[in-house]
Amino acid sequence: MQDDTIFGKIIRREIPADIVFEDDDVIGFRDVAPQAPVHVLFVPKTPIATLNDLTGAQAGLMGKLVLAATHYARREGFAADGYRIVMNCNRDGGQTVFQLHLHLLAGAPLGHFGARG
């Protein structure tokens, strides 16, 4: 059950998190294992396990999720420099917590997506 994920527990305040954004529909908090100087997770408060589970009726919620991330980027002053938003779907896509969420990564040059050294 999605509500039993670590994100569900954060939403219910059962475990602590460094919350940096919250409204009626979305919560944003710093990732405990950051992959960039800024690494914030934005999670809808509605239980949705994966991108595959979205319905057309939830399109507005997806928009709110993205807008929460862009609002945070502007508020924190790094929107003009740039940032990356990533969403993973299922295990082969890199999803480890089965509650829909997006990663906002910023604070340093992130390189070209898919670039190989």
PDB file of N, CA and C in Angstrom:
ATOM      1  N   MET A   1       0.837  -1.186   0.000  1.00  0.00           N
ATOM      2  CA  MET A   1       0.000   0.000   0.000  1.00  0.00           C
ATOM      3  C   MET A   1       0.876   1.242   0.000  1.00  0.00           C
ATOM      4  N   GLN A   2       0.586   2.194  -0.877  1.00  0.00           N
ATOM      5  CA  GLN A   2       1.399   3.392  -1.041  1.00  0.00           C
ATOM      6  C   GLN A   2       1.509   4.185   0.244  1.00  0.00           C
ATOM      7  N   ASP A   3       0.462   4.265   1.021  1.00  0.00           N
ATOM      8  CA  ASP A   3       0.498   5.059   2.244  1.00  0.00           C
ATOM      9  C   ASP A   3       1.540   4.539   3.230  1.00  0.00           C
ATOM     10  N   ASP A   4       2.004   3.311   3.036  1.00  0.00           N
ATOM     11  CA  ASP A   4       3.015   2.737   3.922  1.00  0.00           C
ATOM     12  C   ASP A   4       4.433   3.049   3.464  1.00  0.00           C
ATOM     13  N   THR A   5       4.594   3.804   2.367  1.00  0.00           N
ATOM     14  CA  THR A   5       5.934   4.154   1.908  1.00  0.00           C
ATOM     15  C   THR A   5       6.536   5.198   2.836  1.00  0.00           C
ATOM     16  N   ILE A   6       7.828   5.374   2.707  1.00  0.00           N
ATOM     17  CA  ILE A   6       8.500   6.408   3.490  1.00  0.00           C
ATOM     18  C   ILE A   6       7.903   7.782   3.192  1.00  0.00           C
ATOM     19  N   PHE A   7       7.469   8.005   1.946  1.00  0.00           N
ATOM     20  CA  PHE A   7       6.889   9.302   1.599  1.00  0.00           C
ATOM     21  C   PHE A   7       5.540   9.493   2.277  1.00  0.00           C
ATOM     22  N   GLY A   8       4.739   8.438   2.358  1.00  0.00           N
ATOM     23  CA  GLY A   8       3.471   8.518   3.079  1.00  0.00           C
ATOM     24  C   GLY A   8       3.694   8.859   4.541  1.00  0.00           C
ATOM     25  N   LYS A   9       4.733   8.282   5.113  1.00  0.00           N
ATOM     26  CA  LYS A   9       5.054   8.564   6.522  1.00  0.00           C
ATOM     27  C   LYS A   9       5.534   9.997   6.706  1.00  0.00           C
ATOM     28  N   ILE A  10       6.258  10.531   5.727  1.00  0.00           N
ATOM     29  CA  ILE A  10       6.679  11.938   5.789  1.00  0.00           C
ATOM     30  C   ILE A  10       5.459  12.844   5.678  1.00  0.00           C
ATOM     31  N   ILE A  11       4.567  12.550   4.744  1.00  0.00           N
ATOM     32  CA  ILE A  11       3.362  13.361   4.561  1.00  0.00           C
ATOM     33  C   ILE A  11       2.557  13.410   5.854  1.00  0.00           C
ATOM     34  N   ARG A  12       2.458  12.275   6.549  1.00  0.00           N
ATOM     35  CA  ARG A  12       1.698  12.203   7.807  1.00  0.00           C
ATOM     36  C   ARG A  12       2.514  12.662   9.016  1.00  0.00           C
ATOM     37  N   ARG A  13       3.759  13.067   8.793  1.00  0.00           N
ATOM     38  CA  ARG A  13       4.654  13.543   9.851  1.00  0.00           C
ATOM     39  C   ARG A  13       4.997  12.447  10.860  1.00  0.00           C
ATOM     40  N   GLU A  14       5.024  11.213  10.402  1.00  0.00           N
ATOM     41  CA  GLU A  14       5.413  10.100  11.265  1.00  0.00           C
ATOM     42  C   GLU A  14       6.924   9.959  11.349  1.00  0.00           C
ATOM     43  N   ILE A  15       7.621  10.459  10.342  1.00  0.00           N
ATOM     44  CA  ILE A  15       9.077  10.506  10.373  1.00  0.00           C
ATOM     45  C   ILE A  15       9.495  11.908   9.942  1.00  0.00           C
ATOM     46  N   PRO A  16      10.646  12.391  10.420  1.00  0.00           N
ATOM     47  CA  PRO A  16      11.065  13.756  10.100  1.00  0.00           C
ATOM     48  C   PRO A  16      11.609  13.869   8.683  1.00  0.00           C
ATOM     49  N   ALA A  17      11.506  15.073   8.148  1.00  0.00           N
ATOM     50  CA  ALA A  17      12.084  15.403   6.851  1.00  0.00           C
ATOM     51  C   ALA A  17      12.342  16.899   6.838  1.00  0.00           C
ATOM     52  N   ASP A  18      13.271  17.308   6.007  1.00  0.00           N
ATOM     53  CA  ASP A  18      13.560  18.732   5.831  1.00  0.00           C
ATOM     54  C   ASP A  18      12.609  19.261   4.756  1.00  0.00           C
ATOM     55  N   ILE A  19      11.427  19.658   5.177  1.00  0.00           N
ATOM     56  CA  ILE A  19      10.368  20.093   4.261  1.00  0.00           C
ATOM     57  C   ILE A  19      10.648  21.524   3.823  1.00  0.00           C
ATOM     58  N   VAL A  20      10.680  21.732   2.495  1.00  0.00           N
ATOM     59  CA  VAL A  20      10.982  23.051   1.939  1.00  0.00           C
ATOM     60  C   VAL A  20       9.809  23.649   1.173  1.00  0.00           C
ATOM     61  N   PHE A  21       8.768  22.847   0.937  1.00  0.00           N
ATOM     62  CA  PHE A  21       7.582  23.317   0.224  1.00  0.00           C
ATOM     63  C   PHE A  21       6.401  22.467   0.665  1.00  0.00           C
ATOM     64  N   GLU A  22       5.257  23.121   0.807  1.00  0.00           N
ATOM     65  CA  GLU A  22       4.038  22.364   1.056  1.00  0.00           C
ATOM     66  C   GLU A  22       2.834  23.223   0.740  1.00  0.00           C
ATOM     67  N   ASP A  23       1.862  22.607   0.086  1.00  0.00           N
ATOM     68  CA  ASP A  23       0.542  23.210  -0.085  1.00  0.00           C
ATOM     69  C   ASP A  23      -0.482  22.099   0.112  1.00  0.00           C
ATOM     70  N   ASP A  24      -1.701  22.317  -0.283  1.00  0.00           N
ATOM     71  CA  ASP A  24      -2.750  21.320  -0.053  1.00  0.00           C
ATOM     72  C   ASP A  24      -2.524  20.013  -0.807  1.00  0.00           C
ATOM     73  N   ASP A  25      -1.789  20.070  -1.940  1.00  0.00           N
ATOM     74  CA  ASP A  25      -1.679  18.914  -2.827  1.00  0.00           C
ATOM     75  C   ASP A  25      -0.288  18.291  -2.922  1.00  0.00           C
ATOM     76  N   VAL A  26       0.750  19.058  -2.595  1.00  0.00           N
ATOM     77  CA  VAL A  26       2.132  18.643  -2.854  1.00  0.00           C
ATOM     78  C   VAL A  26       2.995  18.954  -1.638  1.00  0.00           C
ATOM     79  N   ILE A  27       3.968  18.091  -1.392  1.00  0.00           N
ATOM     80  CA  ILE A  27       4.983  18.343  -0.368  1.00  0.00           C
ATOM     81  C   ILE A  27       6.356  18.203  -1.030  1.00  0.00           C
ATOM     82  N   GLY A  28       7.283  19.064  -0.632  1.00  0.00           N
ATOM     83  CA  GLY A  28       8.651  19.004  -1.140  1.00  0.00           C
ATOM     84  C   GLY A  28       9.627  18.937   0.014  1.00  0.00           C
ATOM     85  N   PHE A  29      10.599  18.036  -0.085  1.00  0.00           N
ATOM     86  CA  PHE A  29      11.583  17.895   0.989  1.00  0.00           C
ATOM     87  C   PHE A  29      12.927  17.486   0.397  1.00  0.00           C
ATOM     88  N   ARG A  30      13.994  17.823   1.122  1.00  0.00           N
ATOM     89  CA  ARG A  30      15.347  17.502   0.659  1.00  0.00           C
ATOM     90  C   ARG A  30      15.576  15.989   0.690  1.00  0.00           C
ATOM     91  N   ASP A  31      16.233  15.505  -0.350  1.00  0.00           N
ATOM     92  CA  ASP A  31      16.599  14.088  -0.433  1.00  0.00           C
ATOM     93  C   ASP A  31      17.680  13.796   0.604  1.00  0.00           C
ATOM     94  N   VAL A  32      17.569  12.675   1.296  1.00  0.00           N
ATOM     95  CA  VAL A  32      18.561  12.318   2.314  1.00  0.00           C
ATOM     96  C   VAL A  32      19.866  11.809   1.710  1.00  0.00           C
ATOM     97  N   ALA A  33      19.855  11.464   0.435  1.00  0.00           N
ATOM     98  CA  ALA A  33      21.065  11.030  -0.271  1.00  0.00           C
ATOM     99  C   ALA A  33      21.194  11.858  -1.553  1.00  0.00           C
ATOM    100  N   PRO A  34      21.525  13.149  -1.418  1.00  0.00           N
ATOM    101  CA  PRO A  34      21.491  14.044  -2.581  1.00  0.00           C
ATOM    102  C   PRO A  34      22.475  13.654  -3.676  1.00  0.00           C
ATOM    103  N   GLN A  35      22.017  13.819  -4.913  1.00  0.00           N
ATOM    104  CA  GLN A  35      22.832  13.546  -6.090  1.00  0.00           C
ATOM    105  C   GLN A  35      23.338  14.828  -6.736  1.00  0.00           C
ATOM    106  N   ALA A  36      23.021  15.982  -6.133  1.00  0.00           N
ATOM    107  CA  ALA A  36      23.465  17.294  -6.591  1.00  0.00           C
ATOM    108  C   ALA A  36      23.421  18.214  -5.375  1.00  0.00           C
ATOM    109  N   PRO A  37      24.061  19.391  -5.445  1.00  0.00           N
ATOM    110  CA  PRO A  37      24.009  20.299  -4.296  1.00  0.00           C
ATOM    111  C   PRO A  37      22.582  20.617  -3.841  1.00  0.00           C
ATOM    112  N   VAL A  38      21.673  20.748  -4.781  1.00  0.00           N
ATOM    113  CA  VAL A  38      20.250  20.876  -4.461  1.00  0.00           C
ATOM    114  C   VAL A  38      19.569  19.621  -4.989  1.00  0.00           C
ATOM    115  N   HIS A  39      18.915  18.892  -4.116  1.00  0.00           N
ATOM    116  CA  HIS A  39      18.174  17.688  -4.521  1.00  0.00           C
ATOM    117  C   HIS A  39      16.932  17.622  -3.641  1.00  0.00           C
ATOM    118  N   VAL A  40      15.823  18.033  -4.231  1.00  0.00           N
ATOM    119  CA  VAL A  40      14.553  18.098  -3.510  1.00  0.00           C
ATOM    120  C   VAL A  40      13.564  17.169  -4.200  1.00  0.00           C
ATOM    121  N   LEU A  41      12.817  16.422  -3.399  1.00  0.00           N
ATOM    122  CA  LEU A  41      11.765  15.550  -3.912  1.00  0.00           C
ATOM    123  C   LEU A  41      10.427  16.253  -3.743  1.00  0.00           C
ATOM    124  N   PHE A  42       9.618  16.241  -4.788  1.00  0.00           N
ATOM    125  CA  PHE A  42       8.265  16.785  -4.744  1.00  0.00           C
ATOM    126  C   PHE A  42       7.303  15.619  -4.929  1.00  0.00           C
ATOM    127  N   VAL A  43       6.381  15.485  -3.983  1.00  0.00           N
ATOM    128  CA  VAL A  43       5.508  14.319  -3.912  1.00  0.00           C
ATOM    129  C   VAL A  43       4.059  14.782  -3.809  1.00  0.00           C
ATOM    130  N   PRO A  44       3.166  14.233  -4.654  1.00  0.00           N
ATOM    131  CA  PRO A  44       1.755  14.555  -4.459  1.00  0.00           C
ATOM    132  C   PRO A  44       1.243  13.868  -3.201  1.00  0.00           C
ATOM    133  N   LYS A  45       0.335  14.519  -2.511  1.00  0.00           N
ATOM    134  CA  LYS A  45      -0.234  13.928  -1.300  1.00  0.00           C
ATOM    135  C   LYS A  45      -1.263  12.853  -1.625  1.00  0.00           C
ATOM    136  N   THR A  46      -1.687  12.784  -2.867  1.00  0.00           N
ATOM    137  CA  THR A  46      -2.595  11.738  -3.330  1.00  0.00           C
ATOM    138  C   THR A  46      -1.799  10.468  -3.589  1.00  0.00           C
ATOM    139  N   PRO A  47      -2.248   9.321  -3.096  1.00  0.00           N
ATOM    140  CA  PRO A  47      -1.505   8.076  -3.334  1.00  0.00           C
ATOM    141  C   PRO A  47      -1.555   7.640  -4.800  1.00  0.00           C
ATOM    142  N   ILE A  48      -0.392   7.671  -5.453  1.00  0.00           N
ATOM    143  CA  ILE A  48      -0.228   7.198  -6.831  1.00  0.00           C
ATOM    144  C   ILE A  48       1.107   6.468  -6.851  1.00  0.00           C
ATOM    145  N   ALA A  49       1.125   5.193  -7.140  1.00  0.00           N
ATOM    146  CA  ALA A  49       2.356   4.407  -7.036  1.00  0.00           C
ATOM    147  C   ALA A  49       3.381   4.762  -8.110  1.00  0.00           C
ATOM    148  N   THR A  50       2.968   4.821  -9.372  1.00  0.00           N
ATOM    149  CA  THR A  50       3.911   5.056 -10.469  1.00  0.00           C
ATOM    150  C   THR A  50       3.264   5.951 -11.519  1.00  0.00           C
ATOM    151  N   LEU A  51       4.066   6.413 -12.456  1.00  0.00           N
ATOM    152  CA  LEU A  51       3.524   7.171 -13.584  1.00  0.00           C
ATOM    153  C   LEU A  51       2.480   6.355 -14.336  1.00  0.00           C
ATOM    154  N   ASN A  52       2.659   5.043 -14.390  1.00  0.00           N
ATOM    155  CA  ASN A  52       1.712   4.175 -15.096  1.00  0.00           C
ATOM    156  C   ASN A  52       0.331   4.171 -14.456  1.00  0.00           C
ATOM    157  N   ASP A  53       0.249   4.584 -13.200  1.00  0.00           N
ATOM    158  CA  ASP A  53      -1.023   4.561 -12.486  1.00  0.00           C
ATOM    159  C   ASP A  53      -1.804   5.867 -12.599  1.00  0.00           C
ATOM    160  N   LEU A  54      -1.241   6.866 -13.277  1.00  0.00           N
ATOM    161  CA  LEU A  54      -1.932   8.142 -13.443  1.00  0.00           C
ATOM    162  C   LEU A  54      -3.175   7.982 -14.298  1.00  0.00           C
ATOM    163  N   THR A  55      -4.179   8.778 -13.991  1.00  0.00           N
ATOM    164  CA  THR A  55      -5.380   8.827 -14.815  1.00  0.00           C
ATOM    165  C   THR A  55      -5.495  10.225 -15.417  1.00  0.00           C
ATOM    166  N   GLY A  56      -6.317  10.354 -16.423  1.00  0.00           N
ATOM    167  CA  GLY A  56      -6.540  11.659 -17.034  1.00  0.00           C
ATOM    168  C   GLY A  56      -7.051  12.679 -16.036  1.00  0.00           C
ATOM    169  N   ALA A  57      -7.826  12.215 -15.074  1.00  0.00           N
ATOM    170  CA  ALA A  57      -8.366  13.114 -14.059  1.00  0.00           C
ATOM    171  C   ALA A  57      -7.271  13.694 -13.165  1.00  0.00           C
ATOM    172  N   GLN A  58      -6.075  13.105 -13.190  1.00  0.00           N
ATOM    173  CA  GLN A  58      -4.974  13.577 -12.342  1.00  0.00           C
ATOM    174  C   GLN A  58      -3.998  14.480 -13.087  1.00  0.00           C
ATOM    175  N   ALA A  59      -4.333  14.880 -14.306  1.00  0.00           N
ATOM    176  CA  ALA A  59      -3.447  15.752 -15.082  1.00  0.00           C
ATOM    177  C   ALA A  59      -3.179  17.058 -14.343  1.00  0.00           C
ATOM    178  N   GLY A  60      -4.190  17.615 -13.719  1.00  0.00           N
ATOM    179  CA  GLY A  60      -4.005  18.850 -12.961  1.00  0.00           C
ATOM    180  C   GLY A  60      -3.048  18.678 -11.797  1.00  0.00           C
ATOM    181  N   LEU A  61      -3.113  17.537 -11.146  1.00  0.00           N
ATOM    182  CA  LEU A  61      -2.204  17.258 -10.036  1.00  0.00           C
ATOM    183  C   LEU A  61      -0.760  17.185 -10.537  1.00  0.00           C
ATOM    184  N   MET A  62      -0.559  16.588 -11.697  1.00  0.00           N
ATOM    185  CA  MET A  62       0.793  16.532 -12.274  1.00  0.00           C
ATOM    186  C   MET A  62       1.300  17.934 -12.573  1.00  0.00           C
ATOM    187  N   GLY A  63       0.423  18.786 -13.089  1.00  0.00           N
ATOM    188  CA  GLY A  63       0.804  20.174 -13.321  1.00  0.00           C
ATOM    189  C   GLY A  63       1.196  20.865 -12.029  1.00  0.00           C
ATOM    190  N   LYS A  64       0.452  20.620 -10.958  1.00  0.00           N
ATOM    191  CA  LYS A  64       0.778  21.221  -9.658  1.00  0.00           C
ATOM    192  C   LYS A  64       2.127  20.732  -9.143  1.00  0.00           C
ATOM    193  N   LEU A  65       2.432  19.473  -9.404  1.00  0.00           N
ATOM    194  CA  LEU A  65       3.713  18.908  -8.972  1.00  0.00           C
ATOM    195  C   LEU A  65       4.868  19.636  -9.661  1.00  0.00           C
ATOM    196  N   VAL A  66       4.770  19.805 -10.959  1.00  0.00           N
ATOM    197  CA  VAL A  66       5.814  20.496 -11.718  1.00  0.00           C
ATOM    198  C   VAL A  66       5.875  21.973 -11.321  1.00  0.00           C
ATOM    199  N   LEU A  67       4.726  22.600 -11.168  1.00  0.00           N
ATOM    200  CA  LEU A  67       4.716  24.008 -10.781  1.00  0.00           C
ATOM    201  C   LEU A  67       5.304  24.228  -9.390  1.00  0.00           C
ATOM    202  N   ALA A  68       5.107  23.290  -8.481  1.00  0.00           N
ATOM    203  CA  ALA A  68       5.722  23.389  -7.151  1.00  0.00           C
ATOM    204  C   ALA A  68       7.246  23.410  -7.284  1.00  0.00           C
ATOM    205  N   ALA A  69       7.781  22.552  -8.141  1.00  0.00           N
ATOM    206  CA  ALA A  69       9.230  22.494  -8.342  1.00  0.00           C
ATOM    207  C   ALA A  69       9.742  23.779  -8.984  1.00  0.00           C
ATOM    208  N   THR A  70       9.050  24.297  -9.983  1.00  0.00           N
ATOM    209  CA  THR A  70       9.510  25.523 -10.639  1.00  0.00           C
ATOM    210  C   THR A  70       9.381  26.720  -9.691  1.00  0.00           C
ATOM    211  N   HIS A  71       8.343  26.744  -8.886  1.00  0.00           N
ATOM    212  CA  HIS A  71       8.191  27.809  -7.879  1.00  0.00           C
ATOM    213  C   HIS A  71       9.377  27.783  -6.914  1.00  0.00           C
ATOM    214  N   TYR A  72       9.734  26.607  -6.453  1.00  0.00           N
ATOM    215  CA  TYR A  72      10.860  26.457  -5.530  1.00  0.00           C
ATOM    216  C   TYR A  72      12.154  26.935  -6.188  1.00  0.00           C
ATOM    217  N   ALA A  73      12.377  26.557  -7.444  1.00  0.00           N
ATOM    218  CA  ALA A  73      13.595  26.966  -8.161  1.00  0.00           C
ATOM    219  C   ALA A  73      13.676  28.493  -8.264  1.00  0.00           C
ATOM    220  N   ARG A  74      12.577  29.142  -8.567  1.00  0.00           N
ATOM    221  CA  ARG A  74      12.567  30.606  -8.637  1.00  0.00           C
ATOM    222  C   ARG A  74      12.786  31.214  -7.254  1.00  0.00           C
ATOM    223  N   ARG A  75      12.080  30.694  -6.267  1.00  0.00           N
ATOM    224  CA  ARG A  75      12.173  31.221  -4.904  1.00  0.00           C
ATOM    225  C   ARG A  75      13.595  31.135  -4.356  1.00  0.00           C
ATOM    226  N   GLU A  76      14.280  30.030  -4.664  1.00  0.00           N
ATOM    227  CA  GLU A  76      15.621  29.810  -4.144  1.00  0.00           C
ATOM    228  C   GLU A  76      16.712  30.454  -4.995  1.00  0.00           C
ATOM    229  N   GLY A  77      16.333  31.021  -6.142  1.00  0.00           N
ATOM    230  CA  GLY A  77      17.268  31.808  -6.939  1.00  0.00           C
ATOM    231  C   GLY A  77      18.131  31.060  -7.935  1.00  0.00           C
ATOM    232  N   PHE A  78      17.807  29.815  -8.243  1.00  0.00           N
ATOM    233  CA  PHE A  78      18.627  29.092  -9.215  1.00  0.00           C
ATOM    234  C   PHE A  78      17.883  28.769 -10.511  1.00  0.00           C
ATOM    235  N   ALA A  79      16.672  29.275 -10.665  1.00  0.00           N
ATOM    236  CA  ALA A  79      15.898  28.978 -11.874  1.00  0.00           C
ATOM    237  C   ALA A  79      16.602  29.474 -13.134  1.00  0.00           C
ATOM    238  N   ALA A  80      17.168  30.669 -13.095  1.00  0.00           N
ATOM    239  CA  ALA A  80      17.826  31.217 -14.281  1.00  0.00           C
ATOM    240  C   ALA A  80      19.084  30.434 -14.648  1.00  0.00           C
ATOM    241  N   ASP A  81      19.794  29.924 -13.646  1.00  0.00           N
ATOM    242  CA  ASP A  81      21.000  29.132 -13.919  1.00  0.00           C
ATOM    243  C   ASP A  81      20.656  27.771 -14.496  1.00  0.00           C
ATOM    244  N   GLY A  82      19.524  27.215 -14.078  1.00  0.00           N
ATOM    245  CA  GLY A  82      19.075  25.945 -14.613  1.00  0.00           C
ATOM    246  C   GLY A  82      18.958  24.859 -13.561  1.00  0.00           C
ATOM    247  N   TYR A  83      18.158  23.890 -13.884  1.00  0.00           N
ATOM    248  CA  TYR A  83      17.909  22.754 -13.009  1.00  0.00           C
ATOM    249  C   TYR A  83      17.372  21.615 -13.847  1.00  0.00           C
ATOM    250  N   ARG A  84      17.290  20.459 -13.246  1.00  0.00           N
ATOM    251  CA  ARG A  84      16.769  19.272 -13.927  1.00  0.00           C
ATOM    252  C   ARG A  84      15.649  18.693 -13.078  1.00  0.00           C
ATOM    253  N   ILE A  85      14.594  18.240 -13.753  1.00  0.00           N
ATOM    254  CA  ILE A  85      13.501  17.517 -13.110  1.00  0.00           C
ATOM    255  C   ILE A  85      13.506  16.107 -13.690  1.00  0.00           C
ATOM    256  N   VAL A  86      13.502  15.108 -12.793  1.00  0.00           N
ATOM    257  CA  VAL A  86      13.557  13.706 -13.210  1.00  0.00           C
ATOM    258  C   VAL A  86      12.435  12.940 -12.527  1.00  0.00           C
ATOM    259  N   MET A  87      11.787  12.087 -13.290  1.00  0.00           N
ATOM    260  CA  MET A  87      10.793  11.170 -12.724  1.00  0.00           C
ATOM    261  C   MET A  87      11.147   9.763 -13.182  1.00  0.00           C
ATOM    262  N   ASN A  88      11.190   8.840 -12.248  1.00  0.00           N
ATOM    263  CA  ASN A  88      11.493   7.444 -12.543  1.00  0.00           C
ATOM    264  C   ASN A  88      10.208   6.628 -12.464  1.00  0.00           C
ATOM    265  N   CYS A  89      10.132   5.590 -13.288  1.00  0.00           N
ATOM    266  CA  CYS A  89       8.941   4.740 -13.277  1.00  0.00           C
ATOM    267  C   CYS A  89       9.338   3.267 -13.220  1.00  0.00           C
ATOM    268  N   ASN A  90       8.941   2.631 -12.146  1.00  0.00           N
ATOM    269  CA  ASN A  90       9.184   1.205 -11.902  1.00  0.00           C
ATOM    270  C   ASN A  90      10.673   0.892 -11.753  1.00  0.00           C
ATOM    271  N   ARG A  91      10.969  -0.337 -11.416  1.00  0.00           N
ATOM    272  CA  ARG A  91      12.336  -0.708 -11.025  1.00  0.00           C
ATOM    273  C   ARG A  91      13.371  -0.462 -12.122  1.00  0.00           C
ATOM    274  N   ASP A  92      13.085  -0.864 -13.350  1.00  0.00           N
ATOM    275  CA  ASP A  92      14.064  -0.669 -14.419  1.00  0.00           C
ATOM    276  C   ASP A  92      14.259   0.807 -14.740  1.00  0.00           C
ATOM    277  N   GLY A  93      13.293   1.646 -14.385  1.00  0.00           N
ATOM    278  CA  GLY A  93      13.411   3.087 -14.573  1.00  0.00           C
ATOM    279  C   GLY A  93      14.085   3.781 -13.414  1.00  0.00           C
ATOM    280  N   GLY A  94      14.459   3.025 -12.386  1.00  0.00           N
ATOM    281  CA  GLY A  94      15.166   3.589 -11.250  1.00  0.00           C
ATOM    282  C   GLY A  94      14.294   3.985 -10.076  1.00  0.00           C
ATOM    283  N   GLN A  95      12.995   3.659 -10.117  1.00  0.00           N
ATOM    284  CA  GLN A  95      12.106   4.014  -9.010  1.00  0.00           C
ATOM    285  C   GLN A  95      12.343   3.065  -7.840  1.00  0.00           C
ATOM    286  N   THR A  96      12.592   3.635  -6.663  1.00  0.00           N
ATOM    287  CA  THR A  96      12.825   2.822  -5.472  1.00  0.00           C
ATOM    288  C   THR A  96      11.740   3.001  -4.415  1.00  0.00           C
ATOM    289  N   VAL A  97      11.033   4.124  -4.463  1.00  0.00           N
ATOM    290  CA  VAL A  97       9.896   4.352  -3.564  1.00  0.00           C
ATOM    291  C   VAL A  97       8.660   4.415  -4.448  1.00  0.00           C
ATOM    292  N   PHE A  98       7.694   3.567  -4.159  1.00  0.00           N
ATOM    293  CA  PHE A  98       6.530   3.459  -5.035  1.00  0.00           C
ATOM    294  C   PHE A  98       5.413   4.378  -4.585  1.00  0.00           C
ATOM    295  N   GLN A  99       5.749   5.646  -4.639  1.00  0.00           N
ATOM    296  CA  GLN A  99       4.834   6.782  -4.556  1.00  0.00           C
ATOM    297  C   GLN A  99       5.382   7.765  -5.581  1.00  0.00           C
ATOM    298  N   LEU A 100       4.542   8.147  -6.525  1.00  0.00           N
ATOM    299  CA  LEU A 100       4.948   9.076  -7.569  1.00  0.00           C
ATOM    300  C   LEU A 100       5.671  10.271  -6.962  1.00  0.00           C
ATOM    301  N   HIS A 101       6.771  10.689  -7.561  1.00  0.00           N
ATOM    302  CA  HIS A 101       7.512  11.859  -7.100  1.00  0.00           C
ATOM    303  C   HIS A 101       8.435  12.329  -8.207  1.00  0.00           C
ATOM    304  N   LEU A 102       8.856  13.568  -8.089  1.00  0.00           N
ATOM    305  CA  LEU A 102       9.865  14.066  -9.009  1.00  0.00           C
ATOM    306  C   LEU A 102      11.061  14.560  -8.214  1.00  0.00           C
ATOM    307  N   HIS A 103      12.211  14.458  -8.855  1.00  0.00           N
ATOM    308  CA  HIS A 103      13.466  14.933  -8.285  1.00  0.00           C
ATOM    309  C   HIS A 103      13.805  16.261  -8.947  1.00  0.00           C
ATOM    310  N   LEU A 104      14.092  17.269  -8.164  1.00  0.00           N
ATOM    311  CA  LEU A 104      14.613  18.526  -8.674  1.00  0.00           C
ATOM    312  C   LEU A 104      16.086  18.571  -8.299  1.00  0.00           C
ATOM    313  N   LEU A 105      16.951  18.675  -9.303  1.00  0.00           N
ATOM    314  CA  LEU A 105      18.397  18.673  -9.114  1.00  0.00           C
ATOM    315  C   LEU A 105      18.960  19.986  -9.628  1.00  0.00           C
ATOM    316  N   ALA A 106      19.835  20.619  -8.848  1.00  0.00           N
ATOM    317  CA  ALA A 106      20.396  21.905  -9.247  1.00  0.00           C
ATOM    318  C   ALA A 106      21.618  22.209  -8.400  1.00  0.00           C
ATOM    319  N   GLY A 107      22.153  23.403  -8.620  1.00  0.00           N
ATOM    320  CA  GLY A 107      23.237  23.900  -7.791  1.00  0.00           C
ATOM    321  C   GLY A 107      24.623  23.686  -8.358  1.00  0.00           C
ATOM    322  N   ALA A 108      24.714  23.043  -9.509  1.00  0.00           N
ATOM    323  CA  ALA A 108      25.986  22.811 -10.193  1.00  0.00           C
ATOM    324  C   ALA A 108      25.669  22.408 -11.628  1.00  0.00           C
ATOM    325  N   PRO A 109      26.617  22.574 -12.552  1.00  0.00           N
ATOM    326  CA  PRO A 109      26.374  22.088 -13.912  1.00  0.00           C
ATOM    327  C   PRO A 109      26.104  20.583 -13.876  1.00  0.00           C
ATOM    328  N   LEU A 110      25.007  20.177 -14.474  1.00  0.00           N
ATOM    329  CA  LEU A 110      24.590  18.769 -14.428  1.00  0.00           C
ATOM    330  C   LEU A 110      25.011  17.999 -15.666  1.00  0.00           C
ATOM    331  N   GLY A 111      25.573  18.660 -16.651  1.00  0.00           N
ATOM    332  CA  GLY A 111      25.986  17.980 -17.873  1.00  0.00           C
ATOM    333  C   GLY A 111      24.770  17.666 -18.745  1.00  0.00           C
ATOM    334  N   HIS A 112      25.070  17.154 -19.907  1.00  0.00           N
ATOM    335  CA  HIS A 112      24.018  16.797 -20.848  1.00  0.00           C
ATOM    336  C   HIS A 112      23.396  15.481 -20.453  1.00  0.00           C
ATOM    337  N   PHE A 113      22.086  15.402 -20.507  1.00  0.00           N
ATOM    338  CA  PHE A 113      21.383  14.179 -20.137  1.00  0.00           C
ATOM    339  C   PHE A 113      21.836  13.060 -21.053  1.00  0.00           C
ATOM    340  N   GLY A 114      22.195  11.942 -20.459  1.00  0.00           N
ATOM    341  CA  GLY A 114      22.609  10.784 -21.240  1.00  0.00           C
ATOM    342  C   GLY A 114      24.049  10.845 -21.730  1.00  0.00           C
ATOM    343  N   ALA A 115      24.764  11.915 -21.356  1.00  0.00           N
ATOM    344  CA  ALA A 115      26.150  12.035 -21.794  1.00  0.00           C
ATOM    345  C   ALA A 115      26.999  10.927 -21.173  1.00  0.00           C
ATOM    346  N   ARG A 116      27.896  10.413 -21.948  1.00  0.00           N
ATOM    347  CA  ARG A 116      28.780   9.352 -21.452  1.00  0.00           C
ATOM    348  C   ARG A 116      30.207   9.895 -21.447  1.00  0.00           C
ATOM    349  N   GLY A 117      30.894   9.578 -20.350  1.00  0.00           N
ATOM    350  CA  GLY A 117      32.260  10.078 -20.179  1.00  0.00           C
ATOM    351  C   GLY A 117      33.175   9.414 -21.070  1.00  0.00           C
TER     352      GLY A 117
END
